Amino acid sequence: MTGDRILIEGLCARCIIGVNHDERRELQDVVIDIDMYTDMAVPGRTDSITDAVNYKEVKKKVLGFVESSQFFLIEALAEAIAKLCLEDPAIEKVRVRVDKPLALRFAKTVGVEITRGR
């Protein structure tokens, strides 16, 4: 397992997320951080996108998925994002954090963080 990783931090999206009736009617803000562990030795030498994880494509895929999702729990959303990232065979392991700002009164955010591998 490599220690190399690609970081996507602070990816903002809006989706239906939550268990309360009002959360099911209106889009909620979520903030997503993704760490993708992948071997970057080859793309580091070749300087070719064909040898690398295309993180712009990962971002588009995650945003499209999240914005059309309707999960009750941020835990389930995080799990689904991790599974989506691991569809790329070059990604060995992924850490996903999902925050839901202002979900709790008097708290800046509530979040979950998971790590999944092959």
PDB file of N, CA and C in Angstrom:
ATOM      1  N   MET A   1       0.845  -1.180   0.000  1.00  0.00           N
ATOM      2  CA  MET A   1       0.000   0.000   0.000  1.00  0.00           C
ATOM      3  C   MET A   1       0.887   1.239   0.000  1.00  0.00           C
ATOM      4  N   THR A   2       0.557   2.147  -0.866  1.00  0.00           N
ATOM      5  CA  THR A   2       1.343   3.363  -0.997  1.00  0.00           C
ATOM      6  C   THR A   2       0.878   4.431  -0.014  1.00  0.00           C
ATOM      7  N   GLY A   3       1.751   5.340   0.311  1.00  0.00           N
ATOM      8  CA  GLY A   3       1.403   6.488   1.147  1.00  0.00           C
ATOM      9  C   GLY A   3       1.035   7.696   0.304  1.00  0.00           C
ATOM     10  N   ASP A   4       1.150   7.564  -1.023  1.00  0.00           N
ATOM     11  CA  ASP A   4       0.799   8.667  -1.916  1.00  0.00           C
ATOM     12  C   ASP A   4      -0.704   8.885  -1.881  1.00  0.00           C
ATOM     13  N   ARG A   5      -1.115  10.137  -1.928  1.00  0.00           N
ATOM     14  CA  ARG A   5      -2.555  10.386  -1.938  1.00  0.00           C
ATOM     15  C   ARG A   5      -2.914  11.674  -2.654  1.00  0.00           C
ATOM     16  N   ILE A   6      -4.092  11.661  -3.200  1.00  0.00           N
ATOM     17  CA  ILE A   6      -4.677  12.827  -3.860  1.00  0.00           C
ATOM     18  C   ILE A   6      -5.747  13.360  -2.915  1.00  0.00           C
ATOM     19  N   LEU A   7      -5.731  14.656  -2.673  1.00  0.00           N
ATOM     20  CA  LEU A   7      -6.660  15.274  -1.731  1.00  0.00           C
ATOM     21  C   LEU A   7      -7.652  16.168  -2.464  1.00  0.00           C
ATOM     22  N   ILE A   8      -8.917  15.963  -2.195  1.00  0.00           N
ATOM     23  CA  ILE A   8      -9.963  16.894  -2.611  1.00  0.00           C
ATOM     24  C   ILE A   8     -10.581  17.387  -1.313  1.00  0.00           C
ATOM     25  N   GLU A   9     -10.440  18.678  -1.041  1.00  0.00           N
ATOM     26  CA  GLU A   9     -10.909  19.218   0.238  1.00  0.00           C
ATOM     27  C   GLU A   9     -11.961  20.288   0.032  1.00  0.00           C
ATOM     28  N   GLY A  10     -12.997  20.247   0.839  1.00  0.00           N
ATOM     29  CA  GLY A  10     -14.001  21.299   0.844  1.00  0.00           C
ATOM     30  C   GLY A  10     -14.915  21.312  -0.364  1.00  0.00           C
ATOM     31  N   LEU A  11     -15.198  20.141  -0.921  1.00  0.00           N
ATOM     32  CA  LEU A  11     -16.105  20.043  -2.066  1.00  0.00           C
ATOM     33  C   LEU A  11     -17.529  20.273  -1.567  1.00  0.00           C
ATOM     34  N   CYS A  12     -18.152  21.337  -2.041  1.00  0.00           N
ATOM     35  CA  CYS A  12     -19.486  21.721  -1.565  1.00  0.00           C
ATOM     36  C   CYS A  12     -20.553  21.221  -2.524  1.00  0.00           C
ATOM     37  N   ALA A  13     -21.623  20.685  -1.938  1.00  0.00           N
ATOM     38  CA  ALA A  13     -22.743  20.187  -2.737  1.00  0.00           C
ATOM     39  C   ALA A  13     -24.028  20.417  -1.954  1.00  0.00           C
ATOM     40  N   ARG A  14     -25.140  20.308  -2.660  1.00  0.00           N
ATOM     41  CA  ARG A  14     -26.461  20.413  -2.036  1.00  0.00           C
ATOM     42  C   ARG A  14     -27.256  19.180  -2.428  1.00  0.00           C
ATOM     43  N   CYS A  15     -27.915  18.593  -1.423  1.00  0.00           N
ATOM     44  CA  CYS A  15     -28.692  17.382  -1.686  1.00  0.00           C
ATOM     45  C   CYS A  15     -29.769  17.219  -0.625  1.00  0.00           C
ATOM     46  N   ILE A  16     -30.658  16.288  -0.873  1.00  0.00           N
ATOM     47  CA  ILE A  16     -31.626  15.895   0.145  1.00  0.00           C
ATOM     48  C   ILE A  16     -30.895  14.958   1.097  1.00  0.00           C
ATOM     49  N   ILE A  17     -30.788  15.371   2.364  1.00  0.00           N
ATOM     50  CA  ILE A  17     -30.098  14.553   3.361  1.00  0.00           C
ATOM     51  C   ILE A  17     -30.691  14.866   4.731  1.00  0.00           C
ATOM     52  N   GLY A  18     -31.065  13.829   5.446  1.00  0.00           N
ATOM     53  CA  GLY A  18     -31.597  14.029   6.782  1.00  0.00           C
ATOM     54  C   GLY A  18     -32.833  13.188   7.023  1.00  0.00           C
ATOM     55  N   VAL A  19     -33.191  13.090   8.297  1.00  0.00           N
ATOM     56  CA  VAL A  19     -34.322  12.248   8.688  1.00  0.00           C
ATOM     57  C   VAL A  19     -35.577  13.054   8.995  1.00  0.00           C
ATOM     58  N   ASN A  20     -35.435  14.337   9.241  1.00  0.00           N
ATOM     59  CA  ASN A  20     -36.588  15.170   9.576  1.00  0.00           C
ATOM     60  C   ASN A  20     -37.351  15.584   8.324  1.00  0.00           C
ATOM     61  N   HIS A  21     -38.643  15.804   8.500  1.00  0.00           N
ATOM     62  CA  HIS A  21     -39.526  16.136   7.377  1.00  0.00           C
ATOM     63  C   HIS A  21     -39.017  17.340   6.578  1.00  0.00           C
ATOM     64  N   ASP A  22     -38.608  18.410   7.269  1.00  0.00           N
ATOM     65  CA  ASP A  22     -38.136  19.603   6.557  1.00  0.00           C
ATOM     66  C   ASP A  22     -36.835  19.344   5.798  1.00  0.00           C
ATOM     67  N   GLU A  23     -36.019  18.428   6.277  1.00  0.00           N
ATOM     68  CA  GLU A  23     -34.774  18.075   5.581  1.00  0.00           C
ATOM     69  C   GLU A  23     -35.050  17.287   4.299  1.00  0.00           C
ATOM     70  N   ARG A  24     -36.213  16.670   4.220  1.00  0.00           N
ATOM     71  CA  ARG A  24     -36.576  15.879   3.045  1.00  0.00           C
ATOM     72  C   ARG A  24     -37.208  16.749   1.952  1.00  0.00           C
ATOM     73  N   ARG A  25     -37.585  17.980   2.304  1.00  0.00           N
ATOM     74  CA  ARG A  25     -38.218  18.899   1.346  1.00  0.00           C
ATOM     75  C   ARG A  25     -37.228  19.831   0.670  1.00  0.00           C
ATOM     76  N   GLU A  26     -36.200  20.250   1.392  1.00  0.00           N
ATOM     77  CA  GLU A  26     -35.271  21.256   0.877  1.00  0.00           C
ATOM     78  C   GLU A  26     -33.851  20.706   0.814  1.00  0.00           C
ATOM     79  N   LEU A  27     -33.116  21.188  -0.173  1.00  0.00           N
ATOM     80  CA  LEU A  27     -31.726  20.777  -0.315  1.00  0.00           C
ATOM     81  C   LEU A  27     -30.908  21.250   0.882  1.00  0.00           C
ATOM     82  N   GLN A  28     -30.022  20.379   1.338  1.00  0.00           N
ATOM     83  CA  GLN A  28     -29.137  20.681   2.461  1.00  0.00           C
ATOM     84  C   GLN A  28     -27.706  20.801   1.941  1.00  0.00           C
ATOM     85  N   ASP A  29     -26.921  21.647   2.598  1.00  0.00           N
ATOM     86  CA  ASP A  29     -25.506  21.777   2.254  1.00  0.00           C
ATOM     87  C   ASP A  29     -24.710  20.639   2.872  1.00  0.00           C
ATOM     88  N   VAL A  30     -23.790  20.094   2.102  1.00  0.00           N
ATOM     89  CA  VAL A  30     -22.797  19.155   2.619  1.00  0.00           C
ATOM     90  C   VAL A  30     -21.425  19.568   2.091  1.00  0.00           C
ATOM     91  N   VAL A  31     -20.407  19.302   2.882  1.00  0.00           N
ATOM     92  CA  VAL A  31     -19.023  19.583   2.500  1.00  0.00           C
ATOM     93  C   VAL A  31     -18.267  18.266   2.577  1.00  0.00           C
ATOM     94  N   ILE A  32     -17.554  17.945   1.503  1.00  0.00           N
ATOM     95  CA  ILE A  32     -16.926  16.630   1.360  1.00  0.00           C
ATOM     96  C   ILE A  32     -15.416  16.778   1.210  1.00  0.00           C
ATOM     97  N   ASP A  33     -14.687  15.978   1.955  1.00  0.00           N
ATOM     98  CA  ASP A  33     -13.231  15.838   1.800  1.00  0.00           C
ATOM     99  C   ASP A  33     -12.958  14.404   1.383  1.00  0.00           C
ATOM    100  N   ILE A  34     -12.083  14.239   0.396  1.00  0.00           N
ATOM    101  CA  ILE A  34     -11.740  12.905  -0.093  1.00  0.00           C
ATOM    102  C   ILE A  34     -10.220  12.792  -0.190  1.00  0.00           C
ATOM    103  N   ASP A  35      -9.653  11.760   0.431  1.00  0.00           N
ATOM    104  CA  ASP A  35      -8.244  11.401   0.269  1.00  0.00           C
ATOM    105  C   ASP A  35      -8.206  10.073  -0.476  1.00  0.00           C
ATOM    106  N   MET A  36      -7.597  10.077  -1.650  1.00  0.00           N
ATOM    107  CA  MET A  36      -7.492   8.856  -2.450  1.00  0.00           C
ATOM    108  C   MET A  36      -6.043   8.391  -2.444  1.00  0.00           C
ATOM    109  N   TYR A  37      -5.827   7.207  -1.934  1.00  0.00           N
ATOM    110  CA  TYR A  37      -4.483   6.637  -1.873  1.00  0.00           C
ATOM    111  C   TYR A  37      -4.209   5.883  -3.170  1.00  0.00           C
ATOM    112  N   THR A  38      -3.155   6.294  -3.842  1.00  0.00           N
ATOM    113  CA  THR A  38      -2.796   5.707  -5.133  1.00  0.00           C
ATOM    114  C   THR A  38      -1.294   5.835  -5.344  1.00  0.00           C
ATOM    115  N   ASP A  39      -0.721   4.956  -6.084  1.00  0.00           N
ATOM    116  CA  ASP A  39       0.705   5.021  -6.385  1.00  0.00           C
ATOM    117  C   ASP A  39       0.934   6.069  -7.466  1.00  0.00           C
ATOM    118  N   MET A  40       1.666   7.115  -7.127  1.00  0.00           N
ATOM    119  CA  MET A  40       1.917   8.197  -8.079  1.00  0.00           C
ATOM    120  C   MET A  40       3.318   8.157  -8.691  1.00  0.00           C
ATOM    121  N   ALA A  41       4.023   7.038  -8.524  1.00  0.00           N
ATOM    122  CA  ALA A  41       5.377   6.937  -9.066  1.00  0.00           C
ATOM    123  C   ALA A  41       5.374   6.997 -10.595  1.00  0.00           C
ATOM    124  N   VAL A  42       4.508   6.232 -11.235  1.00  0.00           N
ATOM    125  CA  VAL A  42       4.474   6.218 -12.710  1.00  0.00           C
ATOM    126  C   VAL A  42       4.043   7.572 -13.268  1.00  0.00           C
ATOM    127  N   PRO A  43       2.899   8.139 -12.847  1.00  0.00           N
ATOM    128  CA  PRO A  43       2.542   9.451 -13.389  1.00  0.00           C
ATOM    129  C   PRO A  43       3.559  10.533 -13.027  1.00  0.00           C
ATOM    130  N   GLY A  44       4.231  10.366 -11.909  1.00  0.00           N
ATOM    131  CA  GLY A  44       5.290  11.307 -11.544  1.00  0.00           C
ATOM    132  C   GLY A  44       6.455  11.281 -12.523  1.00  0.00           C
ATOM    133  N   ARG A  45       6.723  10.085 -13.078  1.00  0.00           N
ATOM    134  CA  ARG A  45       7.808   9.956 -14.062  1.00  0.00           C
ATOM    135  C   ARG A  45       7.354  10.330 -15.471  1.00  0.00           C
ATOM    136  N   THR A  46       6.143   9.887 -15.841  1.00  0.00           N
ATOM    137  CA  THR A  46       5.697  10.063 -17.236  1.00  0.00           C
ATOM    138  C   THR A  46       5.048  11.418 -17.501  1.00  0.00           C
ATOM    139  N   ASP A  47       4.540  12.063 -16.462  1.00  0.00           N
ATOM    140  CA  ASP A  47       3.848  13.342 -16.605  1.00  0.00           C
ATOM    141  C   ASP A  47       2.668  13.223 -17.563  1.00  0.00           C
ATOM    142  N   SER A  48       1.974  12.071 -17.503  1.00  0.00           N
ATOM    143  CA  SER A  48       0.860  11.801 -18.409  1.00  0.00           C
ATOM    144  C   SER A  48      -0.411  11.520 -17.619  1.00  0.00           C
ATOM    145  N   ILE A  49      -1.486  12.198 -17.979  1.00  0.00           N
ATOM    146  CA  ILE A  49      -2.770  12.005 -17.308  1.00  0.00           C
ATOM    147  C   ILE A  49      -3.291  10.584 -17.496  1.00  0.00           C
ATOM    148  N   THR A  50      -2.893   9.929 -18.552  1.00  0.00           N
ATOM    149  CA  THR A  50      -3.357   8.551 -18.777  1.00  0.00           C
ATOM    150  C   THR A  50      -2.790   7.584 -17.745  1.00  0.00           C
ATOM    151  N   ASP A  51      -1.712   7.962 -17.067  1.00  0.00           N
ATOM    152  CA  ASP A  51      -1.113   7.130 -16.026  1.00  0.00           C
ATOM    153  C   ASP A  51      -1.572   7.523 -14.619  1.00  0.00           C
ATOM    154  N   ALA A  52      -2.386   8.562 -14.525  1.00  0.00           N
ATOM    155  CA  ALA A  52      -2.767   9.118 -13.224  1.00  0.00           C
ATOM    156  C   ALA A  52      -4.260   8.956 -12.964  1.00  0.00           C
ATOM    157  N   VAL A  53      -4.649   9.125 -11.702  1.00  0.00           N
ATOM    158  CA  VAL A  53      -6.058   9.235 -11.352  1.00  0.00           C
ATOM    159  C   VAL A  53      -6.495  10.644 -11.767  1.00  0.00           C
ATOM    160  N   ASN A  54      -7.519  10.706 -12.582  1.00  0.00           N
ATOM    161  CA  ASN A  54      -8.016  12.003 -13.052  1.00  0.00           C
ATOM    162  C   ASN A  54      -8.971  12.545 -11.992  1.00  0.00           C
ATOM    163  N   TYR A  55      -8.433  13.367 -11.090  1.00  0.00           N
ATOM    164  CA  TYR A  55      -9.233  13.833  -9.966  1.00  0.00           C
ATOM    165  C   TYR A  55     -10.343  14.795 -10.372  1.00  0.00           C
ATOM    166  N   LYS A  56     -10.213  15.420 -11.541  1.00  0.00           N
ATOM    167  CA  LYS A  56     -11.315  16.253 -12.039  1.00  0.00           C
ATOM    168  C   LYS A  56     -12.511  15.377 -12.392  1.00  0.00           C
ATOM    169  N   GLU A  57     -12.252  14.217 -12.978  1.00  0.00           N
ATOM    170  CA  GLU A  57     -13.332  13.281 -13.308  1.00  0.00           C
ATOM    171  C   GLU A  57     -13.955  12.684 -12.042  1.00  0.00           C
ATOM    172  N   VAL A  58     -13.124  12.406 -11.040  1.00  0.00           N
ATOM    173  CA  VAL A  58     -13.639  11.903  -9.769  1.00  0.00           C
ATOM    174  C   VAL A  58     -14.558  12.951  -9.153  1.00  0.00           C
ATOM    175  N   LYS A  59     -14.133  14.204  -9.151  1.00  0.00           N
ATOM    176  CA  LYS A  59     -14.946  15.286  -8.597  1.00  0.00           C
ATOM    177  C   LYS A  59     -16.289  15.390  -9.297  1.00  0.00           C
ATOM    178  N   LYS A  60     -16.292  15.348 -10.632  1.00  0.00           N
ATOM    179  CA  LYS A  60     -17.541  15.432 -11.405  1.00  0.00           C
ATOM    180  C   LYS A  60     -18.472  14.268 -11.058  1.00  0.00           C
ATOM    181  N   LYS A  61     -17.910  13.078 -10.969  1.00  0.00           N
ATOM    182  CA  LYS A  61     -18.684  11.877 -10.667  1.00  0.00           C
ATOM    183  C   LYS A  61     -19.308  11.971  -9.270  1.00  0.00           C
ATOM    184  N   VAL A  62     -18.507  12.403  -8.300  1.00  0.00           N
ATOM    185  CA  VAL A  62     -18.992  12.527  -6.925  1.00  0.00           C
ATOM    186  C   VAL A  62     -20.068  13.608  -6.837  1.00  0.00           C
ATOM    187  N   LEU A  63     -19.820  14.770  -7.419  1.00  0.00           N
ATOM    188  CA  LEU A  63     -20.817  15.854  -7.375  1.00  0.00           C
ATOM    189  C   LEU A  63     -22.133  15.438  -8.020  1.00  0.00           C
ATOM    190  N   GLY A  64     -22.063  14.838  -9.186  1.00  0.00           N
ATOM    191  CA  GLY A  64     -23.268  14.389  -9.866  1.00  0.00           C
ATOM    192  C   GLY A  64     -24.055  13.399  -9.031  1.00  0.00           C
ATOM    193  N   PHE A  65     -23.333  12.480  -8.402  1.00  0.00           N
ATOM    194  CA  PHE A  65     -23.972  11.474  -7.556  1.00  0.00           C
ATOM    195  C   PHE A  65     -24.612  12.117  -6.324  1.00  0.00           C
ATOM    196  N   VAL A  66     -23.831  12.933  -5.615  1.00  0.00           N
ATOM    197  CA  VAL A  66     -24.308  13.528  -4.366  1.00  0.00           C
ATOM    198  C   VAL A  66     -25.522  14.419  -4.618  1.00  0.00           C
ATOM    199  N   GLU A  67     -25.448  15.249  -5.642  1.00  0.00           N
ATOM    200  CA  GLU A  67     -26.521  16.209  -5.890  1.00  0.00           C
ATOM    201  C   GLU A  67     -27.825  15.539  -6.317  1.00  0.00           C
ATOM    202  N   SER A  68     -27.774  14.300  -6.752  1.00  0.00           N
ATOM    203  CA  SER A  68     -29.003  13.584  -7.114  1.00  0.00           C
ATOM    204  C   SER A  68     -29.406  12.560  -6.046  1.00  0.00           C
ATOM    205  N   SER A  69     -28.659  12.505  -4.946  1.00  0.00           N
ATOM    206  CA  SER A  69     -28.929  11.512  -3.904  1.00  0.00           C
ATOM    207  C   SER A  69     -29.992  12.001  -2.927  1.00  0.00           C
ATOM    208  N   GLN A  70     -30.539  11.043  -2.171  1.00  0.00           N
ATOM    209  CA  GLN A  70     -31.552  11.352  -1.159  1.00  0.00           C
ATOM    210  C   GLN A  70     -31.385  10.441   0.055  1.00  0.00           C
ATOM    211  N   PHE A  71     -30.205  10.467   0.658  1.00  0.00           N
ATOM    212  CA  PHE A  71     -29.929   9.632   1.819  1.00  0.00           C
ATOM    213  C   PHE A  71     -30.550  10.228   3.077  1.00  0.00           C
ATOM    214  N   PHE A  72     -30.818   9.387   4.038  1.00  0.00           N
ATOM    215  CA  PHE A  72     -31.267   9.838   5.349  1.00  0.00           C
ATOM    216  C   PHE A  72     -30.065  10.197   6.225  1.00  0.00           C
ATOM    217  N   LEU A  73     -28.991   9.405   6.130  1.00  0.00           N
ATOM    218  CA  LEU A  73     -27.827   9.563   7.010  1.00  0.00           C
ATOM    219  C   LEU A  73     -26.583   9.980   6.249  1.00  0.00           C
ATOM    220  N   ILE A  74     -25.773  10.854   6.875  1.00  0.00           N
ATOM    221  CA  ILE A  74     -24.501  11.216   6.242  1.00  0.00           C
ATOM    222  C   ILE A  74     -23.550  10.028   6.242  1.00  0.00           C
ATOM    223  N   GLU A  75     -23.759   9.082   7.155  1.00  0.00           N
ATOM    224  CA  GLU A  75     -22.951   7.856   7.155  1.00  0.00           C
ATOM    225  C   GLU A  75     -23.150   7.083   5.851  1.00  0.00           C
ATOM    226  N   ALA A  76     -24.395   6.978   5.412  1.00  0.00           N
ATOM    227  CA  ALA A  76     -24.694   6.256   4.164  1.00  0.00           C
ATOM    228  C   ALA A  76     -24.153   7.009   2.958  1.00  0.00           C
ATOM    229  N   LEU A  77     -24.232   8.334   2.992  1.00  0.00           N
ATOM    230  CA  LEU A  77     -23.678   9.141   1.901  1.00  0.00           C
ATOM    231  C   LEU A  77     -22.168   8.950   1.816  1.00  0.00           C
ATOM    232  N   ALA A  78     -21.480   8.973   2.939  1.00  0.00           N
ATOM    233  CA  ALA A  78     -20.029   8.770   2.956  1.00  0.00           C
ATOM    234  C   ALA A  78     -19.660   7.399   2.403  1.00  0.00           C
ATOM    235  N   GLU A  79     -20.397   6.379   2.798  1.00  0.00           N
ATOM    236  CA  GLU A  79     -20.147   5.014   2.317  1.00  0.00           C
ATOM    237  C   GLU A  79     -20.294   4.936   0.796  1.00  0.00           C
ATOM    238  N   ALA A  80     -21.348   5.568   0.277  1.00  0.00           N
ATOM    239  CA  ALA A  80     -21.591   5.540  -1.172  1.00  0.00           C
ATOM    240  C   ALA A  80     -20.501   6.298  -1.936  1.00  0.00           C
ATOM    241  N   ILE A  81     -20.026   7.397  -1.382  1.00  0.00           N
ATOM    242  CA  ILE A  81     -18.943   8.153  -2.027  1.00  0.00           C
ATOM    243  C   ILE A  81     -17.669   7.325  -2.058  1.00  0.00           C
ATOM    244  N   ALA A  82     -17.360   6.643  -0.955  1.00  0.00           N
ATOM    245  CA  ALA A  82     -16.170   5.783  -0.905  1.00  0.00           C
ATOM    246  C   ALA A  82     -16.253   4.689  -1.958  1.00  0.00           C
ATOM    247  N   LYS A  83     -17.406   4.065  -2.061  1.00  0.00           N
ATOM    248  CA  LYS A  83     -17.600   2.993  -3.054  1.00  0.00           C
ATOM    249  C   LYS A  83     -17.408   3.533  -4.469  1.00  0.00           C
ATOM    250  N   LEU A  84     -17.929   4.713  -4.723  1.00  0.00           N
ATOM    251  CA  LEU A  84     -17.794   5.347  -6.032  1.00  0.00           C
ATOM    252  C   LEU A  84     -16.319   5.606  -6.367  1.00  0.00           C
ATOM    253  N   CYS A  85     -15.564   6.099  -5.407  1.00  0.00           N
ATOM    254  CA  CYS A  85     -14.137   6.373  -5.629  1.00  0.00           C
ATOM    255  C   CYS A  85     -13.355   5.095  -5.894  1.00  0.00           C
ATOM    256  N   LEU A  86     -13.710   4.021  -5.179  1.00  0.00           N
ATOM    257  CA  LEU A  86     -12.988   2.759  -5.332  1.00  0.00           C
ATOM    258  C   LEU A  86     -13.313   2.038  -6.640  1.00  0.00           C
ATOM    259  N   GLU A  87     -14.244   2.577  -7.434  1.00  0.00           N
ATOM    260  CA  GLU A  87     -14.486   2.014  -8.767  1.00  0.00           C
ATOM    261  C   GLU A  87     -13.272   2.209  -9.670  1.00  0.00           C
ATOM    262  N   ASP A  88     -12.445   3.209  -9.384  1.00  0.00           N
ATOM    263  CA  ASP A  88     -11.209   3.423 -10.141  1.00  0.00           C
ATOM    264  C   ASP A  88     -10.176   2.422  -9.631  1.00  0.00           C
ATOM    265  N   PRO A  89      -9.697   1.504 -10.481  1.00  0.00           N
ATOM    266  CA  PRO A  89      -8.781   0.465 -10.011  1.00  0.00           C
ATOM    267  C   PRO A  89      -7.440   1.002  -9.495  1.00  0.00           C
ATOM    268  N   ALA A  90      -7.088   2.239  -9.837  1.00  0.00           N
ATOM    269  CA  ALA A  90      -5.823   2.807  -9.364  1.00  0.00           C
ATOM    270  C   ALA A  90      -5.916   3.306  -7.924  1.00  0.00           C
ATOM    271  N   ILE A  91      -7.131   3.462  -7.405  1.00  0.00           N
ATOM    272  CA  ILE A  91      -7.305   3.932  -6.030  1.00  0.00           C
ATOM    273  C   ILE A  91      -7.338   2.721  -5.108  1.00  0.00           C
ATOM    274  N   GLU A  92      -6.337   2.646  -4.219  1.00  0.00           N
ATOM    275  CA  GLU A  92      -6.191   1.504  -3.329  1.00  0.00           C
ATOM    276  C   GLU A  92      -7.034   1.631  -2.063  1.00  0.00           C
ATOM    277  N   LYS A  93      -7.168   2.872  -1.589  1.00  0.00           N
ATOM    278  CA  LYS A  93      -7.877   3.138  -0.343  1.00  0.00           C
ATOM    279  C   LYS A  93      -8.402   4.560  -0.431  1.00  0.00           C
ATOM    280  N   VAL A  94      -9.490   4.835   0.272  1.00  0.00           N
ATOM    281  CA  VAL A  94     -10.057   6.176   0.250  1.00  0.00           C
ATOM    282  C   VAL A  94     -10.534   6.552   1.650  1.00  0.00           C
ATOM    283  N   ARG A  95     -10.315   7.799   2.000  1.00  0.00           N
ATOM    284  CA  ARG A  95     -10.862   8.363   3.233  1.00  0.00           C
ATOM    285  C   ARG A  95     -11.874   9.410   2.808  1.00  0.00           C
ATOM    286  N   VAL A  96     -13.082   9.318   3.325  1.00  0.00           N
ATOM    287  CA  VAL A  96     -14.140  10.257   2.977  1.00  0.00           C
ATOM    288  C   VAL A  96     -14.665  10.899   4.252  1.00  0.00           C
ATOM    289  N   ARG A  97     -14.750  12.215   4.238  1.00  0.00           N
ATOM    290  CA  ARG A  97     -15.373  12.958   5.339  1.00  0.00           C
ATOM    291  C   ARG A  97     -16.538  13.732   4.749  1.00  0.00           C
ATOM    292  N   VAL A  98     -17.690  13.635   5.383  1.00  0.00           N
ATOM    293  CA  VAL A  98     -18.867  14.398   4.982  1.00  0.00           C
ATOM    294  C   VAL A  98     -19.314  15.219   6.176  1.00  0.00           C
ATOM    295  N   ASP A  99     -19.385  16.524   5.988  1.00  0.00           N
ATOM    296  CA  ASP A  99     -19.873  17.446   7.009  1.00  0.00           C
ATOM    297  C   ASP A  99     -21.204  18.019   6.568  1.00  0.00           C
ATOM    298  N   LYS A 100     -22.079  18.233   7.540  1.00  0.00           N
ATOM    299  CA  LYS A 100     -23.360  18.887   7.291  1.00  0.00           C
ATOM    300  C   LYS A 100     -23.394  20.140   8.173  1.00  0.00           C
ATOM    301  N   PRO A 101     -22.980  21.272   7.591  1.00  0.00           N
ATOM    302  CA  PRO A 101     -22.913  22.511   8.377  1.00  0.00           C
ATOM    303  C   PRO A 101     -24.279  22.894   8.947  1.00  0.00           C
ATOM    304  N   LEU A 102     -24.246  23.416  10.146  1.00  0.00           N
ATOM    305  CA  LEU A 102     -25.436  23.936  10.822  1.00  0.00           C
ATOM    306  C   LEU A 102     -26.516  22.881  11.078  1.00  0.00           C
ATOM    307  N   ALA A 103     -26.128  21.614  11.096  1.00  0.00           N
ATOM    308  CA  ALA A 103     -27.096  20.542  11.368  1.00  0.00           C
ATOM    309  C   ALA A 103     -27.552  20.557  12.826  1.00  0.00           C
ATOM    310  N   LEU A 104     -26.672  21.006  13.696  1.00  0.00           N
ATOM    311  CA  LEU A 104     -27.006  21.100  15.116  1.00  0.00           C
ATOM    312  C   LEU A 104     -26.891  22.549  15.574  1.00  0.00           C
ATOM    313  N   ARG A 105     -27.866  22.965  16.337  1.00  0.00           N
ATOM    314  CA  ARG A 105     -27.825  24.303  16.906  1.00  0.00           C
ATOM    315  C   ARG A 105     -26.605  24.424  17.820  1.00  0.00           C
ATOM    316  N   PHE A 106     -25.924  25.524  17.735  1.00  0.00           N
ATOM    317  CA  PHE A 106     -24.724  25.841  18.520  1.00  0.00           C
ATOM    318  C   PHE A 106     -23.474  25.094  18.055  1.00  0.00           C
ATOM    319  N   ALA A 107     -23.561  24.360  16.957  1.00  0.00           N
ATOM    320  CA  ALA A 107     -22.386  23.661  16.420  1.00  0.00           C
ATOM    321  C   ALA A 107     -22.131  24.141  14.994  1.00  0.00           C
ATOM    322  N   LYS A 108     -20.874  24.333  14.663  1.00  0.00           N
ATOM    323  CA  LYS A 108     -20.504  24.760  13.310  1.00  0.00           C
ATOM    324  C   LYS A 108     -20.884  23.700  12.282  1.00  0.00           C
ATOM    325  N   THR A 109     -20.643  22.443  12.616  1.00  0.00           N
ATOM    326  CA  THR A 109     -20.918  21.353  11.682  1.00  0.00           C
ATOM    327  C   THR A 109     -21.031  20.032  12.428  1.00  0.00           C
ATOM    328  N   VAL A 110     -21.607  19.068  11.757  1.00  0.00           N
ATOM    329  CA  VAL A 110     -21.599  17.671  12.202  1.00  0.00           C
ATOM    330  C   VAL A 110     -21.020  16.882  11.042  1.00  0.00           C
ATOM    331  N   GLY A 111     -20.134  15.950  11.330  1.00  0.00           N
ATOM    332  CA  GLY A 111     -19.524  15.202  10.244  1.00  0.00           C
ATOM    333  C   GLY A 111     -19.224  13.772  10.603  1.00  0.00           C
ATOM    334  N   VAL A 112     -18.979  12.989   9.572  1.00  0.00           N
ATOM    335  CA  VAL A 112     -18.523  11.611   9.730  1.00  0.00           C
ATOM    336  C   VAL A 112     -17.303  11.422   8.835  1.00  0.00           C
ATOM    337  N   GLU A 113     -16.457  10.498   9.221  1.00  0.00           N
ATOM    338  CA  GLU A 113     -15.274  10.189   8.429  1.00  0.00           C
ATOM    339  C   GLU A 113     -15.101   8.682   8.408  1.00  0.00           C
ATOM    340  N   ILE A 114     -14.906   8.144   7.210  1.00  0.00           N
ATOM    341  CA  ILE A 114     -14.705   6.703   7.051  1.00  0.00           C
ATOM    342  C   ILE A 114     -13.475   6.464   6.180  1.00  0.00           C
ATOM    343  N   THR A 115     -12.893   5.304   6.323  1.00  0.00           N
ATOM    344  CA  THR A 115     -11.788   4.863   5.481  1.00  0.00           C
ATOM    345  C   THR A 115     -12.141   3.486   4.949  1.00  0.00           C
ATOM    346  N   ARG A 116     -12.038   3.332   3.630  1.00  0.00           N
ATOM    347  CA  ARG A 116     -12.352   2.055   2.989  1.00  0.00           C
ATOM    348  C   ARG A 116     -11.254   1.699   2.003  1.00  0.00           C
ATOM    349  N   GLY A 117     -10.990   0.422   1.857  1.00  0.00           N
ATOM    350  CA  GLY A 117      -9.995  -0.053   0.908  1.00  0.00           C
ATOM    351  C   GLY A 117     -10.541  -1.212   0.099  1.00  0.00           C
ATOM    352  N   ARG A 118      -9.702  -1.705  -0.755  1.00  0.00           N
ATOM    353  CA  ARG A 118     -10.111  -2.847  -1.591  1.00  0.00           C
ATOM    354  C   ARG A 118     -10.186  -4.113  -0.773  1.00  0.00           C
TER     355      ARG A 118
END
